[in-house]
């Protein structure tokens, strides 16, 4: 936006413009995180998947986007439960009867 145009904005218009710019930046960050997560499905290696999830969850938590942070927390909880169950010596890997 040219400097002259910005000077002609009312205070209310300036506030609205800042809100719109912030909203667009949040949308872009959310879209990029979503696209990045699609890479998770490209490889079947458990080691790679674990590292990828660690990195992606860290990025999501740093994004300051509440919905992305919620997904990251959920993924971390599920992974923690899975890791605990897999390492449990009493785990049979199947349904208990």
N, C-alpha and C. Protein backbone atom coordinates (compact mmCIF):
# COMPACT_ATOMS: atom_id res chain seq x y z
N UNK A 1 0.85 -1.16 0.00
CA UNK A 1 0.00 0.00 0.00
C UNK A 1 0.90 1.23 0.00
N UNK A 2 0.69 2.15 -0.91
CA UNK A 2 1.50 3.37 -0.96
C UNK A 2 1.38 4.16 0.34
N UNK A 3 2.43 4.89 0.69
CA UNK A 3 2.45 5.65 1.94
C UNK A 3 1.32 6.67 1.99
N UNK A 4 1.03 7.29 0.86
CA UNK A 4 -0.05 8.29 0.83
C UNK A 4 -1.39 7.64 1.16
N UNK A 5 -1.64 6.47 0.66
CA UNK A 5 -2.90 5.79 0.93
C UNK A 5 -3.01 5.43 2.40
N UNK A 6 -1.89 5.00 3.00
CA UNK A 6 -1.89 4.65 4.42
C UNK A 6 -2.15 5.88 5.27
N UNK A 7 -1.66 7.03 4.84
CA UNK A 7 -1.87 8.27 5.58
C UNK A 7 -3.34 8.68 5.57
N UNK A 8 -4.09 8.28 4.56
CA UNK A 8 -5.48 8.68 4.41
C UNK A 8 -6.44 7.79 5.19
N UNK A 9 -5.95 6.77 5.85
CA UNK A 9 -6.82 5.87 6.60
C UNK A 9 -7.22 6.51 7.92
N UNK A 10 -8.45 6.25 8.31
CA UNK A 10 -8.88 6.67 9.64
C UNK A 10 -8.28 5.70 10.65
N UNK A 11 -8.36 6.05 11.93
CA UNK A 11 -7.85 5.16 12.97
C UNK A 11 -8.54 3.80 12.92
N UNK A 12 -9.85 3.81 12.72
CA UNK A 12 -10.62 2.57 12.64
C UNK A 12 -10.18 1.74 11.43
N UNK A 13 -9.94 2.40 10.32
CA UNK A 13 -9.50 1.69 9.11
C UNK A 13 -8.10 1.09 9.32
N UNK A 14 -7.24 1.81 10.01
CA UNK A 14 -5.89 1.28 10.29
C UNK A 14 -5.98 0.02 11.14
N UNK A 15 -6.85 0.05 12.15
CA UNK A 15 -7.04 -1.12 13.02
C UNK A 15 -7.55 -2.30 12.20
N UNK A 16 -8.55 -2.05 11.36
CA UNK A 16 -9.11 -3.12 10.51
C UNK A 16 -8.05 -3.69 9.57
N UNK A 17 -7.24 -2.79 8.99
CA UNK A 17 -6.19 -3.24 8.08
C UNK A 17 -5.20 -4.14 8.81
N UNK A 18 -4.79 -3.75 10.00
CA UNK A 18 -3.85 -4.56 10.78
C UNK A 18 -4.46 -5.92 11.12
N UNK A 19 -5.75 -5.94 11.46
CA UNK A 19 -6.43 -7.20 11.76
C UNK A 19 -6.46 -8.10 10.53
N UNK A 20 -6.76 -7.52 9.36
CA UNK A 20 -6.80 -8.30 8.13
C UNK A 20 -5.43 -8.86 7.78
N UNK A 21 -4.41 -8.04 7.93
CA UNK A 21 -3.05 -8.51 7.63
C UNK A 21 -2.66 -9.63 8.59
N UNK A 22 -3.00 -9.49 9.86
CA UNK A 22 -2.69 -10.54 10.83
C UNK A 22 -3.45 -11.82 10.51
N UNK A 23 -4.72 -11.69 10.15
CA UNK A 23 -5.54 -12.85 9.81
C UNK A 23 -4.95 -13.58 8.62
N UNK A 24 -4.54 -12.83 7.61
CA UNK A 24 -3.96 -13.45 6.43
C UNK A 24 -2.66 -14.18 6.77
N UNK A 25 -1.85 -13.60 7.63
CA UNK A 25 -0.61 -14.26 8.02
C UNK A 25 -0.89 -15.55 8.78
N UNK A 26 -1.91 -15.53 9.65
CA UNK A 26 -2.27 -16.74 10.38
C UNK A 26 -2.76 -17.81 9.42
N UNK A 27 -3.55 -17.40 8.44
CA UNK A 27 -4.05 -18.36 7.44
C UNK A 27 -2.91 -18.99 6.66
N UNK A 28 -1.94 -18.18 6.31
CA UNK A 28 -0.80 -18.69 5.55
C UNK A 28 0.00 -19.66 6.41
N UNK A 29 0.26 -19.30 7.67
CA UNK A 29 1.01 -20.20 8.56
C UNK A 29 0.27 -21.52 8.74
N UNK A 30 -1.05 -21.45 8.92
CA UNK A 30 -1.84 -22.67 9.09
C UNK A 30 -1.78 -23.53 7.84
N UNK A 31 -1.90 -22.90 6.68
CA UNK A 31 -1.85 -23.65 5.42
C UNK A 31 -0.49 -24.32 5.25
N UNK A 32 0.58 -23.61 5.54
CA UNK A 32 1.92 -24.18 5.40
C UNK A 32 2.13 -25.36 6.35
N UNK A 33 1.64 -25.25 7.58
CA UNK A 33 1.76 -26.37 8.52
C UNK A 33 0.95 -27.58 8.04
N UNK A 34 -0.22 -27.31 7.51
CA UNK A 34 -1.06 -28.39 6.98
C UNK A 34 -0.37 -29.09 5.81
N UNK A 35 0.18 -28.30 4.91
CA UNK A 35 0.88 -28.88 3.75
C UNK A 35 2.11 -29.66 4.20
N UNK A 36 2.83 -29.14 5.16
CA UNK A 36 4.00 -29.84 5.67
C UNK A 36 3.62 -31.18 6.27
N UNK A 37 2.49 -31.22 6.98
CA UNK A 37 2.06 -32.47 7.61
C UNK A 37 1.76 -33.55 6.57
N UNK A 38 1.39 -33.16 5.36
CA UNK A 38 1.10 -34.15 4.32
C UNK A 38 2.31 -35.03 4.03
N UNK A 39 3.51 -34.53 4.30
CA UNK A 39 4.72 -35.32 4.09
C UNK A 39 4.77 -36.53 5.01
N UNK A 40 4.05 -36.47 6.11
CA UNK A 40 4.03 -37.59 7.06
C UNK A 40 3.60 -38.88 6.37
N UNK A 41 2.69 -38.77 5.41
CA UNK A 41 2.15 -39.95 4.76
C UNK A 41 3.03 -40.49 3.64
N UNK A 42 4.14 -39.79 3.34
CA UNK A 42 5.01 -40.19 2.23
C UNK A 42 5.97 -41.32 2.58
N UNK A 43 6.25 -41.54 3.84
CA UNK A 43 7.24 -42.54 4.24
C UNK A 43 6.64 -43.44 5.32
N UNK A 44 7.01 -44.71 5.28
CA UNK A 44 6.44 -45.66 6.25
C UNK A 44 7.41 -46.02 7.36
N UNK A 45 8.61 -45.45 7.34
CA UNK A 45 9.59 -45.77 8.37
C UNK A 45 9.14 -45.23 9.73
N UNK A 46 9.00 -46.10 10.72
CA UNK A 46 8.60 -45.64 12.06
C UNK A 46 9.57 -44.62 12.65
N UNK A 47 10.86 -44.81 12.41
CA UNK A 47 11.85 -43.86 12.92
C UNK A 47 11.66 -42.50 12.30
N UNK A 48 11.52 -42.48 10.97
CA UNK A 48 11.32 -41.20 10.28
C UNK A 48 10.02 -40.55 10.73
N UNK A 49 8.97 -41.34 10.87
CA UNK A 49 7.67 -40.80 11.27
C UNK A 49 7.76 -40.16 12.65
N UNK A 50 8.45 -40.80 13.58
CA UNK A 50 8.61 -40.25 14.92
C UNK A 50 9.36 -38.93 14.91
N UNK A 51 10.45 -38.89 14.16
CA UNK A 51 11.23 -37.64 14.06
C UNK A 51 10.40 -36.54 13.40
N UNK A 52 9.69 -36.92 12.35
CA UNK A 52 8.86 -35.95 11.65
C UNK A 52 7.81 -35.37 12.59
N UNK A 53 7.12 -36.23 13.34
CA UNK A 53 6.09 -35.75 14.27
C UNK A 53 6.68 -34.83 15.34
N UNK A 54 7.86 -35.17 15.85
CA UNK A 54 8.50 -34.31 16.84
C UNK A 54 8.74 -32.92 16.27
N UNK A 55 9.30 -32.88 15.06
CA UNK A 55 9.61 -31.60 14.41
C UNK A 55 8.34 -30.83 14.08
N UNK A 56 7.35 -31.54 13.53
CA UNK A 56 6.11 -30.86 13.13
C UNK A 56 5.38 -30.31 14.36
N UNK A 57 5.31 -31.11 15.42
CA UNK A 57 4.62 -30.65 16.64
C UNK A 57 5.32 -29.44 17.24
N UNK A 58 6.64 -29.42 17.22
CA UNK A 58 7.37 -28.25 17.71
C UNK A 58 7.03 -27.02 16.88
N UNK A 59 7.00 -27.17 15.57
CA UNK A 59 6.64 -26.05 14.69
C UNK A 59 5.22 -25.59 14.95
N UNK A 60 4.31 -26.52 15.13
CA UNK A 60 2.91 -26.17 15.39
C UNK A 60 2.77 -25.43 16.72
N UNK A 61 3.48 -25.87 17.74
CA UNK A 61 3.41 -25.21 19.04
C UNK A 61 3.99 -23.80 18.98
N UNK A 62 4.99 -23.60 18.15
CA UNK A 62 5.61 -22.28 18.02
C UNK A 62 4.83 -21.36 17.08
N UNK A 63 3.84 -21.90 16.38
CA UNK A 63 3.10 -21.11 15.39
C UNK A 63 2.18 -20.08 16.03
N UNK A 64 1.86 -20.24 17.30
CA UNK A 64 0.92 -19.38 18.03
C UNK A 64 -0.48 -19.45 17.43
N UNK A 65 -0.79 -20.56 16.79
CA UNK A 65 -2.13 -20.78 16.24
C UNK A 65 -2.82 -21.82 17.11
N UNK A 66 -3.83 -21.39 17.85
CA UNK A 66 -4.49 -22.27 18.82
C UNK A 66 -4.96 -23.59 18.21
N UNK A 67 -5.60 -23.60 17.03
CA UNK A 67 -6.04 -24.89 16.47
C UNK A 67 -4.87 -25.83 16.15
N UNK A 68 -3.78 -25.28 15.66
CA UNK A 68 -2.61 -26.11 15.35
C UNK A 68 -1.95 -26.62 16.62
N UNK A 69 -1.92 -25.78 17.65
CA UNK A 69 -1.37 -26.21 18.93
C UNK A 69 -2.21 -27.34 19.51
N UNK A 70 -3.53 -27.27 19.33
CA UNK A 70 -4.42 -28.31 19.83
C UNK A 70 -4.12 -29.64 19.14
N UNK A 71 -3.92 -29.60 17.82
CA UNK A 71 -3.59 -30.82 17.06
C UNK A 71 -2.25 -31.39 17.54
N UNK A 72 -1.27 -30.52 17.71
CA UNK A 72 0.06 -30.97 18.15
C UNK A 72 -0.02 -31.63 19.52
N UNK A 73 -0.77 -31.03 20.44
CA UNK A 73 -0.91 -31.62 21.78
C UNK A 73 -1.59 -32.98 21.70
N UNK A 74 -2.60 -33.08 20.86
CA UNK A 74 -3.31 -34.35 20.69
C UNK A 74 -2.39 -35.42 20.13
N UNK A 75 -1.61 -35.06 19.11
CA UNK A 75 -0.67 -36.02 18.52
C UNK A 75 0.36 -36.48 19.56
N UNK A 76 0.85 -35.55 20.35
CA UNK A 76 1.83 -35.90 21.38
C UNK A 76 1.23 -36.85 22.42
N UNK A 77 -0.02 -36.57 22.83
CA UNK A 77 -0.68 -37.47 23.81
C UNK A 77 -0.85 -38.87 23.23
N UNK A 78 -1.33 -38.95 22.00
CA UNK A 78 -1.54 -40.26 21.38
C UNK A 78 -0.22 -41.01 21.22
N UNK A 79 0.82 -40.28 20.83
CA UNK A 79 2.12 -40.92 20.64
C UNK A 79 2.66 -41.43 21.98
N UNK A 80 2.50 -40.63 23.02
CA UNK A 80 2.97 -41.03 24.34
C UNK A 80 2.26 -42.30 24.80
N UNK A 81 0.94 -42.34 24.61
CA UNK A 81 0.18 -43.55 24.98
C UNK A 81 0.65 -44.76 24.18
N UNK A 82 0.85 -44.54 22.89
CA UNK A 82 1.30 -45.63 22.01
C UNK A 82 2.67 -46.13 22.43
N UNK A 83 3.58 -45.20 22.70
CA UNK A 83 4.93 -45.59 23.11
C UNK A 83 4.92 -46.34 24.43
N UNK A 84 4.09 -45.90 25.37
CA UNK A 84 3.99 -46.60 26.66
C UNK A 84 3.43 -48.00 26.48
N UNK A 85 2.40 -48.13 25.66
CA UNK A 85 1.79 -49.43 25.45
C UNK A 85 2.75 -50.37 24.73
N UNK A 86 3.49 -49.85 23.78
CA UNK A 86 4.43 -50.68 23.02
C UNK A 86 5.60 -51.15 23.87
N UNK A 87 6.00 -50.34 24.85
CA UNK A 87 7.14 -50.73 25.67
C UNK A 87 6.74 -51.48 26.94
N UNK A 88 5.46 -51.63 27.17
CA UNK A 88 4.98 -52.32 28.37
C UNK A 88 5.30 -53.82 28.26
N UNK A 89 5.93 -54.40 29.28
CA UNK A 89 6.27 -55.83 29.23
C UNK A 89 5.03 -56.72 29.26
N UNK A 90 3.92 -56.19 29.74
CA UNK A 90 2.70 -57.02 29.79
C UNK A 90 1.84 -56.84 28.55
N UNK A 91 2.31 -56.03 27.62
CA UNK A 91 1.54 -55.79 26.40
C UNK A 91 1.62 -57.01 25.49
N UNK A 92 0.47 -57.50 25.08
CA UNK A 92 0.45 -58.67 24.21
C UNK A 92 0.28 -58.29 22.75
N UNK A 93 -0.01 -57.00 22.52
CA UNK A 93 -0.19 -56.55 21.15
C UNK A 93 -1.56 -56.83 20.62
N UNK A 94 -2.40 -57.47 21.38
CA UNK A 94 -3.74 -57.79 20.91
C UNK A 94 -4.78 -57.40 21.93
N UNK A 95 -5.98 -57.84 21.71
CA UNK A 95 -7.08 -57.55 22.64
C UNK A 95 -6.97 -58.49 23.83
N UNK A 96 -7.29 -57.97 25.00
CA UNK A 96 -7.29 -58.85 26.17
C UNK A 96 -8.65 -59.50 26.30
N UNK A 97 -8.66 -60.70 26.84
CA UNK A 97 -9.94 -61.41 26.98
C UNK A 97 -10.34 -61.56 28.41
